[in-house]
Protein backbone atom coordinates (compact mmCIF):
# COMPACT_ATOMS: atom_id res chain seq x y z
CA MET A 1 -17.69 -18.47 -1.22
CA GLY A 2 -14.97 -15.92 -0.55
CA SER A 3 -15.28 -12.85 1.65
CA MET A 4 -14.84 -10.58 -1.41
CA ASP A 5 -17.08 -12.32 -3.94
CA GLY A 6 -18.58 -9.86 -6.40
CA ARG A 7 -16.22 -7.01 -5.52
CA THR A 8 -13.57 -5.28 -7.59
CA ALA A 9 -10.26 -4.17 -6.11
CA LEU A 10 -7.57 -1.87 -7.47
CA VAL A 11 -4.13 -2.45 -5.94
CA THR A 12 -1.18 -0.19 -6.77
CA GLY A 13 2.43 -1.32 -6.58
CA ALA A 14 1.19 -4.87 -7.13
CA SER A 15 3.96 -6.30 -9.30
CA ARG A 16 5.88 -7.61 -6.28
CA GLY A 17 6.15 -7.62 -2.51
CA ILE A 18 3.29 -6.62 -0.25
CA GLY A 19 1.16 -5.31 -3.12
CA ARG A 20 1.41 -8.60 -4.97
CA ARG A 21 0.49 -10.60 -1.87
CA ILE A 22 -2.54 -8.40 -1.24
CA ALA A 23 -3.68 -8.63 -4.87
CA GLU A 24 -3.35 -12.41 -4.93
CA ARG A 25 -5.09 -12.81 -1.58
CA PHE A 26 -7.98 -10.57 -2.63
CA ALA A 27 -8.38 -12.66 -5.79
CA ALA A 28 -8.39 -15.84 -3.71
CA GLU A 29 -11.22 -14.30 -1.68
CA GLY A 30 -13.25 -13.78 -4.86
CA ALA A 31 -12.45 -10.20 -5.86
CA ALA A 32 -11.68 -9.16 -9.42
CA VAL A 33 -8.34 -7.38 -9.12
CA ALA A 34 -6.82 -4.56 -11.16
CA VAL A 35 -3.07 -5.10 -10.76
CA VAL A 36 -1.36 -1.72 -11.14
CA ALA A 37 2.37 -1.03 -11.42
CA ARG A 38 5.02 0.29 -13.77
CA THR A 39 6.73 -3.07 -14.41
CA ALA A 40 4.60 -4.77 -17.04
CA GLU A 41 6.76 -7.66 -18.22
CA PRO A 42 9.26 -10.03 -16.59
CA GLY A 43 12.78 -8.65 -16.77
CA ALA A 44 11.70 -5.04 -17.18
CA SER A 45 13.03 -4.12 -13.73
CA THR A 46 16.14 -4.90 -11.71
CA LEU A 47 13.77 -6.38 -9.13
CA PRO A 48 11.82 -9.57 -9.85
CA GLY A 49 8.09 -9.40 -10.50
CA SER A 50 5.70 -7.87 -13.03
CA ILE A 51 2.00 -7.23 -13.34
CA GLU A 52 1.74 -9.78 -16.17
CA GLU A 53 3.13 -12.48 -13.87
CA VAL A 54 0.72 -11.56 -11.07
CA VAL A 55 -2.28 -11.59 -13.39
CA ALA A 56 -1.21 -14.93 -14.86
CA HIS A 57 -0.89 -16.43 -11.38
CA ILE A 58 -4.33 -15.18 -10.36
CA ARG A 59 -5.92 -16.55 -13.51
CA ASP A 60 -4.13 -19.88 -13.09
CA GLN A 61 -5.79 -20.13 -9.68
CA GLY A 62 -9.21 -19.50 -11.21
CA GLY A 63 -9.39 -15.82 -10.30
CA ARG A 64 -10.15 -12.72 -12.30
CA ALA A 65 -7.58 -9.98 -12.85
CA ALA A 66 -6.37 -7.35 -15.29
CA ALA A 67 -2.96 -5.72 -15.68
CA ILE A 68 -2.80 -1.93 -15.74
CA ARG A 69 0.62 -0.48 -16.47
CA ALA A 70 1.03 3.01 -15.05
CA ASP A 71 3.91 5.11 -13.79
CA LEU A 72 2.42 6.56 -10.63
CA THR A 73 5.02 9.32 -10.50
CA VAL A 74 3.45 10.79 -13.67
CA PRO A 75 0.20 12.69 -12.92
CA ALA A 76 -1.19 12.21 -16.43
CA GLU A 77 -0.94 8.44 -16.04
CA VAL A 78 -2.49 8.54 -12.57
CA GLU A 79 -5.55 10.26 -14.06
CA THR A 80 -6.32 7.19 -16.21
CA VAL A 81 -5.97 4.39 -13.67
CA VAL A 82 -9.44 4.28 -12.10
CA ALA A 83 -11.24 4.62 -15.44
CA ARG A 84 -9.07 1.91 -17.03
CA ALA A 85 -9.76 -0.46 -14.17
CA GLU A 86 -13.49 0.17 -14.42
CA ALA A 87 -13.47 -0.45 -18.18
CA LEU A 88 -11.79 -3.83 -17.68
CA LEU A 89 -13.37 -5.13 -14.48
CA GLY A 90 -16.16 -2.81 -13.40
CA PRO A 91 -16.31 -0.05 -10.77
CA ALA A 92 -13.80 -0.35 -7.94
CA ASP A 93 -15.18 -1.29 -4.53
CA ILE A 94 -11.70 -1.36 -2.98
CA LEU A 95 -8.64 0.83 -3.54
CA VAL A 96 -5.30 -0.14 -2.00
CA ASN A 97 -2.69 2.62 -2.18
CA ASN A 98 0.44 0.52 -1.78
CA ALA A 99 2.95 1.83 -4.34
CA GLY A 100 6.04 3.29 -2.72
CA VAL A 101 9.60 4.40 -3.29
CA ASN A 102 12.40 5.40 -0.94
CA PHE A 103 15.77 7.06 -1.26
CA TYR A 104 17.80 6.75 1.91
CA GLY A 105 20.26 9.35 3.12
CA PRO A 106 20.63 12.44 5.31
CA ALA A 107 17.72 14.81 4.74
CA LEU A 108 20.02 17.69 3.81
CA ASP A 109 21.55 15.61 1.02
CA ILE A 110 18.37 14.29 -0.65
CA ARG A 111 18.03 15.90 -4.07
CA PRO A 112 14.74 17.72 -4.84
CA HIS A 113 14.02 15.39 -7.75
CA ARG A 114 14.17 12.37 -5.47
CA TYR A 115 11.96 13.66 -2.67
CA GLY A 116 9.63 15.02 -5.34
CA LEU A 117 9.22 11.50 -6.71
CA MET A 118 8.54 10.19 -3.21
CA PHE A 119 5.84 12.76 -2.50
CA GLN A 120 4.26 12.25 -5.90
CA MET A 121 4.01 8.47 -5.53
CA MET A 122 3.12 8.23 -1.85
CA VAL A 123 1.10 11.40 -1.20
CA HIS A 124 -0.18 13.09 -4.35
CA THR A 125 -1.06 9.87 -6.19
CA PRO A 126 -3.03 8.27 -3.32
CA PHE A 127 -4.85 11.56 -2.77
CA ARG A 128 -5.80 11.81 -6.44
CA LEU A 129 -6.82 8.16 -6.71
CA CYS A 130 -9.10 8.69 -3.72
CA GLN A 131 -10.64 11.70 -5.46
CA LEU A 132 -11.24 9.61 -8.57
CA ALA A 133 -12.55 6.46 -6.87
CA ILE A 134 -14.56 7.61 -3.87
CA PRO A 135 -17.41 9.50 -5.62
CA GLY A 136 -18.48 6.29 -7.36
CA MET A 137 -18.21 4.36 -4.11
CA ILE A 138 -20.46 6.89 -2.41
CA GLU A 139 -23.01 6.57 -5.22
CA ARG A 140 -23.03 2.78 -4.78
CA GLY A 141 -23.19 3.05 -1.00
CA ARG A 142 -20.04 1.08 -0.21
CA GLY A 143 -16.28 1.19 -0.59
CA TRP A 144 -12.98 0.55 1.11
CA ILE A 145 -9.75 2.56 0.87
CA LEU A 146 -6.61 1.05 2.34
CA ASN A 147 -3.48 3.21 2.55
CA ILE A 148 -0.28 1.27 3.20
CA THR A 149 1.62 3.19 5.85
CA SER A 150 4.75 2.66 7.95
CA LYS A 151 5.94 3.15 11.49
CA GLN A 152 8.31 5.65 9.89
CA ALA A 153 5.36 8.05 10.09
CA ARG A 154 6.13 8.37 13.79
CA HIS A 155 9.44 9.57 15.20
CA PRO A 156 10.74 9.74 18.78
CA LEU A 157 11.04 13.06 20.55
CA GLY A 158 14.40 14.01 22.00
CA PRO A 159 17.08 14.60 22.92
CA PRO A 160 18.35 12.11 23.79
CA TYR A 161 17.55 10.15 20.63
CA PRO A 162 17.76 6.39 20.16
CA GLU A 163 20.52 5.24 17.85
CA TRP A 164 18.12 4.34 15.05
CA ALA A 165 16.45 7.78 15.00
CA ALA A 166 18.95 9.22 12.49
CA ASP A 167 18.15 6.55 9.95
CA GLY A 168 18.01 8.53 6.72
CA CYS A 169 14.24 8.23 6.37
CA VAL A 170 13.02 11.80 6.86
CA PRO A 171 11.27 12.24 3.46
CA TYR A 172 9.80 8.73 3.58
CA GLY A 173 8.45 9.31 7.08
CA MET A 174 7.02 12.66 6.02
CA CYS A 175 5.17 10.97 3.16
CA LYS A 176 3.71 8.30 5.42
CA SER A 177 2.66 10.90 8.00
CA ALA A 178 0.81 12.76 5.27
CA LEU A 179 -0.82 9.53 4.12
CA ASP A 180 -2.05 8.81 7.64
CA ARG A 181 -3.51 12.32 7.86
CA LEU A 182 -5.29 11.66 4.57
CA THR A 183 -6.73 8.51 6.10
CA THR A 184 -8.11 10.09 9.24
CA GLY A 185 -9.32 13.31 7.64
CA LEU A 186 -10.96 11.73 4.62
CA ALA A 187 -12.57 9.06 6.81
CA ALA A 188 -14.22 11.84 8.79
CA GLU A 189 -15.37 13.68 5.67
CA VAL A 190 -17.08 10.64 4.12
CA TYR A 191 -18.30 9.05 7.34
CA GLY A 192 -21.83 7.71 6.98
CA THR A 193 -21.61 7.19 3.21
CA GLY A 194 -20.60 3.52 3.40
CA VAL A 195 -16.97 4.24 2.46
CA ARG A 196 -14.35 3.11 4.98
CA ILE A 197 -10.78 4.44 4.93
CA ASN A 198 -7.91 2.98 6.94
CA SER A 199 -4.11 2.89 7.08
CA LEU A 200 -2.26 -0.40 7.50
CA GLY A 201 1.45 -0.85 8.13
CA THR A 202 3.75 -3.75 8.85
CA SER A 203 4.63 -4.56 12.43
CA GLY A 204 8.17 -5.49 11.41
CA LEU A 205 10.25 -6.28 8.38
CA VAL A 206 8.66 -8.11 5.45
CA MET A 207 11.05 -10.08 3.28
CA THR A 208 10.16 -8.63 -0.12
CA PRO A 209 12.39 -8.19 -3.19
CA GLY A 210 12.94 -4.58 -2.19
CA VAL A 211 14.56 -5.59 1.07
CA ALA A 212 17.71 -6.37 -0.93
CA VAL A 213 17.83 -2.65 -1.76
CA VAL A 214 17.12 -1.28 1.71
CA SER A 215 18.62 -3.96 3.95
CA PRO A 216 21.86 -2.04 4.69
CA HIS A 217 19.69 0.48 6.55
CA THR A 218 17.80 -2.13 8.57
CA PRO A 219 18.76 -2.61 12.23
CA ASP A 220 20.12 -6.12 12.81
CA ASN A 221 17.56 -6.82 15.52
CA THR A 222 14.52 -5.88 13.42
CA PRO A 223 12.08 -8.80 13.67
CA VAL A 224 10.60 -10.32 10.53
CA GLU A 225 6.86 -10.84 10.30
CA PRO A 226 5.20 -13.69 8.38
CA ASP A 227 4.75 -13.17 4.65
CA ASP A 228 0.97 -13.51 4.88
CA ALA A 229 0.34 -11.03 7.70
CA MET A 230 -0.23 -7.90 5.61
CA ALA A 231 -2.53 -9.70 3.18
CA ASP A 232 -4.54 -11.22 6.03
CA ALA A 233 -4.86 -7.83 7.72
CA ALA A 234 -5.82 -6.16 4.44
CA VAL A 235 -8.67 -8.63 3.96
CA LEU A 236 -9.95 -7.88 7.46
CA LEU A 237 -9.96 -4.12 6.91
CA CYS A 238 -11.37 -4.30 3.37
CA THR A 239 -14.32 -6.46 4.38
CA SER A 240 -15.14 -4.76 7.68
CA PRO A 241 -18.48 -2.94 7.67
CA HIS A 242 -17.47 -0.64 10.51
CA ASP A 243 -13.72 0.02 10.80
CA THR A 244 -12.77 3.43 9.46
CA GLY A 245 -10.25 6.15 10.26
CA ARG A 246 -7.88 3.63 11.82
CA ILE A 247 -4.07 3.54 11.65
CA VAL A 248 -3.13 -0.03 12.50
CA TYR A 249 -0.32 -2.53 12.08
CA SER A 250 -0.57 -6.05 10.77
CA MET A 251 0.37 -8.33 13.64
CA GLU A 252 -1.41 -6.22 16.26
CA LEU A 253 -4.58 -6.16 14.17
CA LEU A 254 -4.44 -9.93 13.71
CA GLY A 255 -3.82 -10.50 17.41
CA ARG A 256 -0.62 -12.41 16.71
CA PRO A 257 2.31 -12.23 19.16
CA PHE A 258 5.09 -9.92 18.01
CA PRO A 259 7.95 -8.10 19.77
CA ASP A 260 7.14 -4.53 20.70
CA GLY A 261 9.55 -1.82 19.64
CA PRO A 262 10.35 1.00 17.21
CA TRP A 263 10.83 -1.24 14.20
CA ALA A 264 11.67 1.51 11.83
CA LEU A 265 11.38 -0.16 8.47
CA SER A 266 8.30 -1.02 6.46
CA ALA A 267 9.29 -2.23 3.01
CA THR A 268 6.55 -1.87 0.41
CA TYR A 269 8.49 -2.61 -2.74
């Protein structure tokens, strides 16, 4: 018996990296998993990983999963995701808003199109998916929303500023701050309905395929956390009957030793 037997989970950005690990771990715990991302087939992206590969792996392990291709920067496609998942696997008990994108550079140089994509994928899409999924959860008396955040949501006051503070992550940090505010505010609004809403971020760097893209911006002393930490922490939060409105980080939540510090990168690709 797994801790998620009989439940259905929808995980965005699940073709690779943290999203894939969460989807596969949820399936191992007994959940039926809707694997959502834009990359449907192997080779369709410059990064490795696809939703077809994730679904095949889950099924090979005896789990239940369905692939849902959606470009989460396109509002019309976002509108279909929850209904498509329900048609394939049943109503969602768990929603993990993991999909993310980042364009590094000085804030004054980031083009409007690029920060528009970031806000659409990491703020507007999670907000809308919550609007689409939570009413059904309330009707059924239970549900879990997990928003994947980052320590980039917080920034040191100054001056003086630490060297890493001017790291080219202003729009990304803004998006994650907004996502955390969604977590705490929405948790308060639905408190008592059986729906729990939390934010979870990495304590340090996670070695995902996307790290190859962002690694030039990573401080050399940034510690790496174990590959399984985020998935383990996600299971804890998405099975807890009480935790809600929390903004937590993987290693701290799991009670595992980890260096303290302003580890500024949380790769979710």
